[in-house]
Amino acid sequence: MDQKDHPWDKIYQTVNQVSPIPKEVWKKSEQLYTIRKLEYGDFLIKQGAKPTEFAFVFSGVLREYYLTDQGNEYIKSFNFPGDFTGSYFDLLTEQPSTCNIRAITDCELAVAKFSEFRKLFSQDIAWERLGRIFAENLFLKKARREYELLALSAEERYDLLLKSRPDIEELIPQYHIASYLGITPVSLSRIRAKRK
């Protein structure tokens, strides 16, 4: 993280791109955040535990995944610097988390209580608008992911992933990429070999 800027400036810039918020309105949210460092393998949220927090990623990479009773892991998404993360579905329903959010690398996050953040929605229309647009963006992301898994081939999904994150193979192990694509590491190796 650039030490010249206040850490919350990066969050404000990201939020402002989603839905503009006047700086004086934004200031009310800064007290909600605390800095947290995760080491490789640490959990932000554990499946089965009731989540209360969401986070903004300053540095590092996390993965959101489901773990079945048989021990199979299915990655639903990756979180990179500049992303927000948190089990939004479980935060809204106030139920135990259906997924894990875990550090793939050492990470630095800004963490906030979701219940405190939601209180801001009634204080200014800018917060309510941000909440709506954020929910819409999550819906679009989920719908796009479903389409890719159901309608595209593994090779097409791999191409789309590389197009959206050209550096992903430098950041994330191949077996995690394979899990995200819904294929085995062997199948991913075949696709990569074919491309070469």
C-alpha atoms as a PDB file:
ATOM      1  CA  MET A   1       0.000   0.000   0.000  1.00  0.00           C
ATOM      2  CA  ASP A   2       1.268   3.478  -0.888  1.00  0.00           C
ATOM      3  CA  GLN A   3       2.138   5.135   2.397  1.00  0.00           C
ATOM      4  CA  LYS A   4       1.801   8.647   0.915  1.00  0.00           C
ATOM      5  CA  ASP A   5      -1.976   8.279   0.811  1.00  0.00           C
ATOM      6  CA  HIS A   6      -4.276   7.590   3.695  1.00  0.00           C
ATOM      7  CA  PRO A   7      -5.332   3.933   3.404  1.00  0.00           C
ATOM      8  CA  TRP A   8      -9.032   4.863   3.176  1.00  0.00           C
ATOM      9  CA  ASP A   9      -8.357   6.983   0.057  1.00  0.00           C
ATOM     10  CA  LYS A  10      -8.004   3.810  -2.019  1.00  0.00           C
ATOM     11  CA  ILE A  11     -11.355   2.521  -0.758  1.00  0.00           C
ATOM     12  CA  TYR A  12     -12.983   5.884  -1.472  1.00  0.00           C
ATOM     13  CA  GLN A  13     -11.603   5.935  -5.030  1.00  0.00           C
ATOM     14  CA  THR A  14     -12.949   2.417  -5.665  1.00  0.00           C
ATOM     15  CA  VAL A  15     -16.369   3.168  -4.151  1.00  0.00           C
ATOM     16  CA  ASN A  16     -16.584   6.434  -6.078  1.00  0.00           C
ATOM     17  CA  GLN A  17     -16.154   4.530  -9.361  1.00  0.00           C
ATOM     18  CA  VAL A  18     -19.120   2.317  -8.444  1.00  0.00           C
ATOM     19  CA  SER A  19     -21.377   5.151  -7.269  1.00  0.00           C
ATOM     20  CA  PRO A  20     -20.187   8.723  -6.561  1.00  0.00           C
ATOM     21  CA  ILE A  21     -20.299   9.731  -2.897  1.00  0.00           C
ATOM     22  CA  PRO A  22     -19.467  13.239  -1.646  1.00  0.00           C
ATOM     23  CA  LYS A  23     -16.283  13.237   0.424  1.00  0.00           C
ATOM     24  CA  GLU A  24     -18.038  14.640   3.500  1.00  0.00           C
ATOM     25  CA  VAL A  25     -20.586  11.794   3.354  1.00  0.00           C
ATOM     26  CA  TRP A  26     -17.832   9.204   2.846  1.00  0.00           C
ATOM     27  CA  LYS A  27     -15.965  10.409   5.949  1.00  0.00           C
ATOM     28  CA  LYS A  28     -18.672   8.842   8.140  1.00  0.00           C
ATOM     29  CA  SER A  29     -17.639   5.367   7.000  1.00  0.00           C
ATOM     30  CA  GLU A  30     -13.901   5.666   7.631  1.00  0.00           C
ATOM     31  CA  GLN A  31     -14.256   4.946  11.353  1.00  0.00           C
ATOM     32  CA  LEU A  32     -15.823   1.550  10.512  1.00  0.00           C
ATOM     33  CA  TYR A  33     -12.623   0.098   9.029  1.00  0.00           C
ATOM     34  CA  THR A  34      -9.635  -1.486  10.717  1.00  0.00           C
ATOM     35  CA  ILE A  35      -6.509  -2.846   9.046  1.00  0.00           C
ATOM     36  CA  ARG A  36      -6.024  -6.612   9.181  1.00  0.00           C
ATOM     37  CA  LYS A  37      -3.176  -8.717   7.821  1.00  0.00           C
ATOM     38  CA  LEU A  38      -3.703 -12.310   6.731  1.00  0.00           C
ATOM     39  CA  GLU A  39      -0.892 -14.746   6.044  1.00  0.00           C
ATOM     40  CA  TYR A  40      -1.047 -17.429   3.368  1.00  0.00           C
ATOM     41  CA  GLY A  41      -3.754 -19.933   4.348  1.00  0.00           C
ATOM     42  CA  ASP A  42      -5.493 -17.688   6.899  1.00  0.00           C
ATOM     43  CA  PHE A  43      -9.283 -17.440   6.746  1.00  0.00           C
ATOM     44  CA  LEU A  44     -11.267 -14.235   6.536  1.00  0.00           C
ATOM     45  CA  ILE A  45     -14.512 -16.244   6.738  1.00  0.00           C
ATOM     46  CA  LYS A  46     -14.957 -19.940   7.535  1.00  0.00           C
ATOM     47  CA  GLN A  47     -17.750 -22.047   6.113  1.00  0.00           C
ATOM     48  CA  GLY A  48     -20.272 -22.831   8.851  1.00  0.00           C
ATOM     49  CA  ALA A  49     -19.381 -19.806  10.999  1.00  0.00           C
ATOM     50  CA  LYS A  50     -21.698 -16.787  11.049  1.00  0.00           C
ATOM     51  CA  PRO A  51     -20.028 -13.955   9.124  1.00  0.00           C
ATOM     52  CA  THR A  52     -20.223 -10.405  10.443  1.00  0.00           C
ATOM     53  CA  GLU A  53     -17.545  -8.619   8.382  1.00  0.00           C
ATOM     54  CA  PHE A  54     -16.683  -7.646   4.847  1.00  0.00           C
ATOM     55  CA  ALA A  55     -13.308  -6.430   3.623  1.00  0.00           C
ATOM     56  CA  PHE A  56     -11.515  -4.336   1.030  1.00  0.00           C
ATOM     57  CA  VAL A  57      -8.335  -5.883  -0.376  1.00  0.00           C
ATOM     58  CA  PHE A  58      -5.291  -3.587  -0.333  1.00  0.00           C
ATOM     59  CA  SER A  59      -2.786  -6.278  -1.295  1.00  0.00           C
ATOM     60  CA  GLY A  60      -2.655 -10.014  -1.882  1.00  0.00           C
ATOM     61  CA  VAL A  61      -5.140 -12.512  -3.319  1.00  0.00           C
ATOM     62  CA  LEU A  62      -7.957 -14.466  -1.669  1.00  0.00           C
ATOM     63  CA  ARG A  63     -10.247 -17.208  -2.913  1.00  0.00           C
ATOM     64  CA  GLU A  64     -13.925 -17.728  -2.155  1.00  0.00           C
ATOM     65  CA  TYR A  65     -14.841 -21.407  -2.272  1.00  0.00           C
ATOM     66  CA  TYR A  66     -17.307 -24.068  -1.242  1.00  0.00           C
ATOM     67  CA  LEU A  67     -16.106 -27.245   0.460  1.00  0.00           C
ATOM     68  CA  THR A  68     -18.344 -30.313   0.182  1.00  0.00           C
ATOM     69  CA  ASP A  69     -18.751 -33.007   2.834  1.00  0.00           C
ATOM     70  CA  GLN A  70     -16.584 -35.215   0.597  1.00  0.00           C
ATOM     71  CA  GLY A  71     -13.752 -32.671   0.764  1.00  0.00           C
ATOM     72  CA  ASN A  72     -14.173 -31.376  -2.807  1.00  0.00           C
ATOM     73  CA  GLU A  73     -13.401 -27.702  -3.272  1.00  0.00           C
ATOM     74  CA  TYR A  74     -15.225 -25.472  -5.753  1.00  0.00           C
ATOM     75  CA  ILE A  75     -13.848 -21.967  -6.199  1.00  0.00           C
ATOM     76  CA  LYS A  76     -16.513 -19.376  -6.939  1.00  0.00           C
ATOM     77  CA  SER A  77     -14.234 -16.340  -7.258  1.00  0.00           C
ATOM     78  CA  PHE A  78     -10.883 -14.744  -6.564  1.00  0.00           C
ATOM     79  CA  ASN A  79     -10.378 -11.397  -4.801  1.00  0.00           C
ATOM     80  CA  PHE A  80      -7.585  -9.109  -5.965  1.00  0.00           C
ATOM     81  CA  PRO A  81      -6.327  -5.699  -4.769  1.00  0.00           C
ATOM     82  CA  GLY A  82      -9.107  -3.156  -5.205  1.00  0.00           C
ATOM     83  CA  ASP A  83     -11.877  -5.750  -4.655  1.00  0.00           C
ATOM     84  CA  PHE A  84     -14.387  -5.995  -1.853  1.00  0.00           C
ATOM     85  CA  THR A  85     -14.929  -9.443  -0.376  1.00  0.00           C
ATOM     86  CA  GLY A  86     -17.358 -10.993   2.060  1.00  0.00           C
ATOM     87  CA  SER A  87     -20.057 -13.618   1.923  1.00  0.00           C
ATOM     88  CA  TYR A  88     -22.747 -11.113   0.933  1.00  0.00           C
ATOM     89  CA  PHE A  89     -25.540 -13.719   0.740  1.00  0.00           C
ATOM     90  CA  ASP A  90     -24.759 -14.934   4.263  1.00  0.00           C
ATOM     91  CA  LEU A  91     -24.319 -11.396   5.621  1.00  0.00           C
ATOM     92  CA  LEU A  92     -27.785 -10.481   4.348  1.00  0.00           C
ATOM     93  CA  THR A  93     -29.470 -13.647   5.632  1.00  0.00           C
ATOM     94  CA  GLU A  94     -27.484 -13.633   8.899  1.00  0.00           C
ATOM     95  CA  GLN A  95     -26.971 -17.374   8.512  1.00  0.00           C
ATOM     96  CA  PRO A  96     -23.786 -19.447   8.887  1.00  0.00           C
ATOM     97  CA  SER A  97     -21.484 -18.939   5.916  1.00  0.00           C
ATOM     98  CA  THR A  98     -21.960 -21.216   2.928  1.00  0.00           C
ATOM     99  CA  CYS A  99     -18.406 -20.543   1.748  1.00  0.00           C
ATOM    100  CA  ASN A 100     -14.819 -20.030   2.875  1.00  0.00           C
ATOM    101  CA  ILE A 101     -12.787 -16.917   2.083  1.00  0.00           C
ATOM    102  CA  ARG A 102      -9.095 -17.700   2.462  1.00  0.00           C
ATOM    103  CA  ALA A 103      -5.781 -16.029   1.638  1.00  0.00           C
ATOM    104  CA  ILE A 104      -3.836 -17.500  -1.297  1.00  0.00           C
ATOM    105  CA  THR A 105      -0.997 -15.065  -0.548  1.00  0.00           C
ATOM    106  CA  ASP A 106      -0.188 -12.764   2.354  1.00  0.00           C
ATOM    107  CA  CYS A 107      -2.854 -10.050   2.341  1.00  0.00           C
ATOM    108  CA  GLU A 108      -3.564  -6.643   3.788  1.00  0.00           C
ATOM    109  CA  LEU A 109      -7.243  -5.790   4.202  1.00  0.00           C
ATOM    110  CA  ALA A 110      -9.510  -3.083   5.557  1.00  0.00           C
ATOM    111  CA  VAL A 111     -12.225  -4.895   7.508  1.00  0.00           C
ATOM    112  CA  ALA A 112     -15.586  -3.523   8.672  1.00  0.00           C
ATOM    113  CA  LYS A 113     -18.682  -4.819  10.444  1.00  0.00           C
ATOM    114  CA  PHE A 114     -21.484  -5.246   7.906  1.00  0.00           C
ATOM    115  CA  SER A 115     -24.198  -4.310  10.442  1.00  0.00           C
ATOM    116  CA  GLU A 116     -22.489  -0.953  11.077  1.00  0.00           C
ATOM    117  CA  PHE A 117     -22.132  -0.323   7.351  1.00  0.00           C
ATOM    118  CA  ARG A 118     -25.835  -1.033   6.738  1.00  0.00           C
ATOM    119  CA  LYS A 119     -26.786   1.664   9.241  1.00  0.00           C
ATOM    120  CA  LEU A 120     -25.336   4.228   6.826  1.00  0.00           C
ATOM    121  CA  PHE A 121     -28.021   3.385   4.230  1.00  0.00           C
ATOM    122  CA  SER A 122     -30.660   5.316   6.181  1.00  0.00           C
ATOM    123  CA  GLN A 123     -28.391   8.327   6.713  1.00  0.00           C
ATOM    124  CA  ASP A 124     -27.887   9.492   3.133  1.00  0.00           C
ATOM    125  CA  ILE A 125     -29.305   8.612  -0.281  1.00  0.00           C
ATOM    126  CA  ALA A 126     -25.734   8.217  -1.600  1.00  0.00           C
ATOM    127  CA  TRP A 127     -25.212   5.190   0.682  1.00  0.00           C
ATOM    128  CA  GLU A 128     -28.517   3.633  -0.307  1.00  0.00           C
ATOM    129  CA  ARG A 129     -27.642   4.084  -3.987  1.00  0.00           C
ATOM    130  CA  LEU A 130     -24.214   2.528  -3.423  1.00  0.00           C
ATOM    131  CA  GLY A 131     -25.816  -0.479  -1.702  1.00  0.00           C
ATOM    132  CA  ARG A 132     -28.237  -0.961  -4.613  1.00  0.00           C
ATOM    133  CA  ILE A 133     -25.571  -0.662  -7.315  1.00  0.00           C
ATOM    134  CA  PHE A 134     -23.214  -2.952  -5.404  1.00  0.00           C
ATOM    135  CA  ALA A 135     -25.998  -5.583  -5.138  1.00  0.00           C
ATOM    136  CA  GLU A 136     -26.764  -5.189  -8.865  1.00  0.00           C
ATOM    137  CA  ASN A 137     -23.086  -5.677  -9.735  1.00  0.00           C
ATOM    138  CA  LEU A 138     -22.926  -8.830  -7.615  1.00  0.00           C
ATOM    139  CA  PHE A 139     -26.034 -10.158  -9.351  1.00  0.00           C
ATOM    140  CA  LEU A 140     -24.498  -9.484 -12.784  1.00  0.00           C
ATOM    141  CA  LYS A 141     -21.254 -11.181 -11.740  1.00  0.00           C
ATOM    142  CA  LYS A 142     -23.167 -14.230 -10.490  1.00  0.00           C
ATOM    143  CA  ALA A 143     -25.303 -14.425 -13.662  1.00  0.00           C
ATOM    144  CA  ARG A 144     -22.200 -14.139 -15.864  1.00  0.00           C
ATOM    145  CA  ARG A 145     -20.456 -16.888 -13.889  1.00  0.00           C
ATOM    146  CA  GLU A 146     -23.482 -19.194 -14.212  1.00  0.00           C
ATOM    147  CA  TYR A 147     -23.608 -18.570 -17.961  1.00  0.00           C
ATOM    148  CA  GLU A 148     -19.909 -19.368 -18.348  1.00  0.00           C
ATOM    149  CA  LEU A 149     -20.163 -22.616 -16.371  1.00  0.00           C
ATOM    150  CA  LEU A 150     -23.340 -23.808 -18.101  1.00  0.00           C
ATOM    151  CA  ALA A 151     -22.928 -22.581 -21.677  1.00  0.00           C
ATOM    152  CA  LEU A 152     -19.204 -22.303 -22.444  1.00  0.00           C
ATOM    153  CA  SER A 153     -16.538 -24.949 -22.912  1.00  0.00           C
ATOM    154  CA  ALA A 154     -13.633 -25.204 -20.475  1.00  0.00           C
ATOM    155  CA  GLU A 155     -11.347 -23.722 -23.124  1.00  0.00           C
ATOM    156  CA  GLU A 156     -13.679 -20.762 -23.652  1.00  0.00           C
ATOM    157  CA  ARG A 157     -13.868 -20.183 -19.893  1.00  0.00           C
ATOM    158  CA  TYR A 158     -10.059 -20.279 -19.707  1.00  0.00           C
ATOM    159  CA  ASP A 159      -9.784 -17.743 -22.548  1.00  0.00           C
ATOM    160  CA  LEU A 160     -12.224 -15.391 -20.811  1.00  0.00           C
ATOM    161  CA  LEU A 161     -10.306 -15.684 -17.541  1.00  0.00           C
ATOM    162  CA  LEU A 162      -7.006 -14.841 -19.248  1.00  0.00           C
ATOM    163  CA  LYS A 163      -8.637 -11.920 -21.027  1.00  0.00           C
ATOM    164  CA  SER A 164      -9.971 -10.470 -17.765  1.00  0.00           C
ATOM    165  CA  ARG A 165      -6.839 -11.286 -15.706  1.00  0.00           C
ATOM    166  CA  PRO A 166      -3.791 -11.714 -18.008  1.00  0.00           C
ATOM    167  CA  ASP A 167      -1.518 -12.037 -14.949  1.00  0.00           C
ATOM    168  CA  ILE A 168      -3.572 -14.699 -13.181  1.00  0.00           C
ATOM    169  CA  GLU A 169      -1.142 -17.567 -13.810  1.00  0.00           C
ATOM    170  CA  GLU A 170       1.632 -15.597 -12.097  1.00  0.00           C
ATOM    171  CA  LEU A 171      -0.566 -14.971  -9.037  1.00  0.00           C
ATOM    172  CA  ILE A 172      -2.531 -18.182  -8.532  1.00  0.00           C
ATOM    173  CA  PRO A 173      -1.534 -21.889  -8.564  1.00  0.00           C
ATOM    174  CA  GLN A 174      -2.803 -23.944 -11.507  1.00  0.00           C
ATOM    175  CA  TYR A 175      -4.917 -26.253  -9.333  1.00  0.00           C
ATOM    176  CA  HIS A 176      -6.882 -23.253  -8.017  1.00  0.00           C
ATOM    177  CA  ILE A 177      -7.413 -21.984 -11.571  1.00  0.00           C
ATOM    178  CA  ALA A 178      -8.620 -25.451 -12.599  1.00  0.00           C
ATOM    179  CA  SER A 179     -11.075 -25.517  -9.671  1.00  0.00           C
ATOM    180  CA  TYR A 180     -12.404 -22.082 -10.654  1.00  0.00           C
ATOM    181  CA  LEU A 181     -12.901 -23.273 -14.243  1.00  0.00           C
ATOM    182  CA  GLY A 182     -14.703 -26.403 -13.024  1.00  0.00           C
ATOM    183  CA  ILE A 183     -12.150 -28.820 -14.470  1.00  0.00           C
ATOM    184  CA  THR A 184      -9.313 -31.030 -13.217  1.00  0.00           C
ATOM    185  CA  PRO A 185      -5.692 -29.823 -13.167  1.00  0.00           C
ATOM    186  CA  VAL A 186      -4.944 -32.467 -15.834  1.00  0.00           C
ATOM    187  CA  SER A 187      -7.612 -31.002 -18.134  1.00  0.00           C
ATOM    188  CA  LEU A 188      -6.180 -27.524 -17.601  1.00  0.00           C
ATOM    189  CA  SER A 189      -2.691 -28.790 -18.476  1.00  0.00           C
ATOM    190  CA  ARG A 190      -4.090 -30.218 -21.739  1.00  0.00           C
ATOM    191  CA  ILE A 191      -5.751 -26.905 -22.617  1.00  0.00           C
ATOM    192  CA  ARG A 192      -2.545 -24.990 -21.889  1.00  0.00           C
ATOM    193  CA  ALA A 193      -0.457 -27.467 -23.926  1.00  0.00           C
ATOM    194  CA  LYS A 194      -2.852 -27.158 -26.842  1.00  0.00           C
ATOM    195  CA  ARG A 195      -2.560 -23.381 -26.828  1.00  0.00           C
ATOM    196  CA  LYS A 196       1.239 -23.589 -27.014  1.00  0.00           C
END
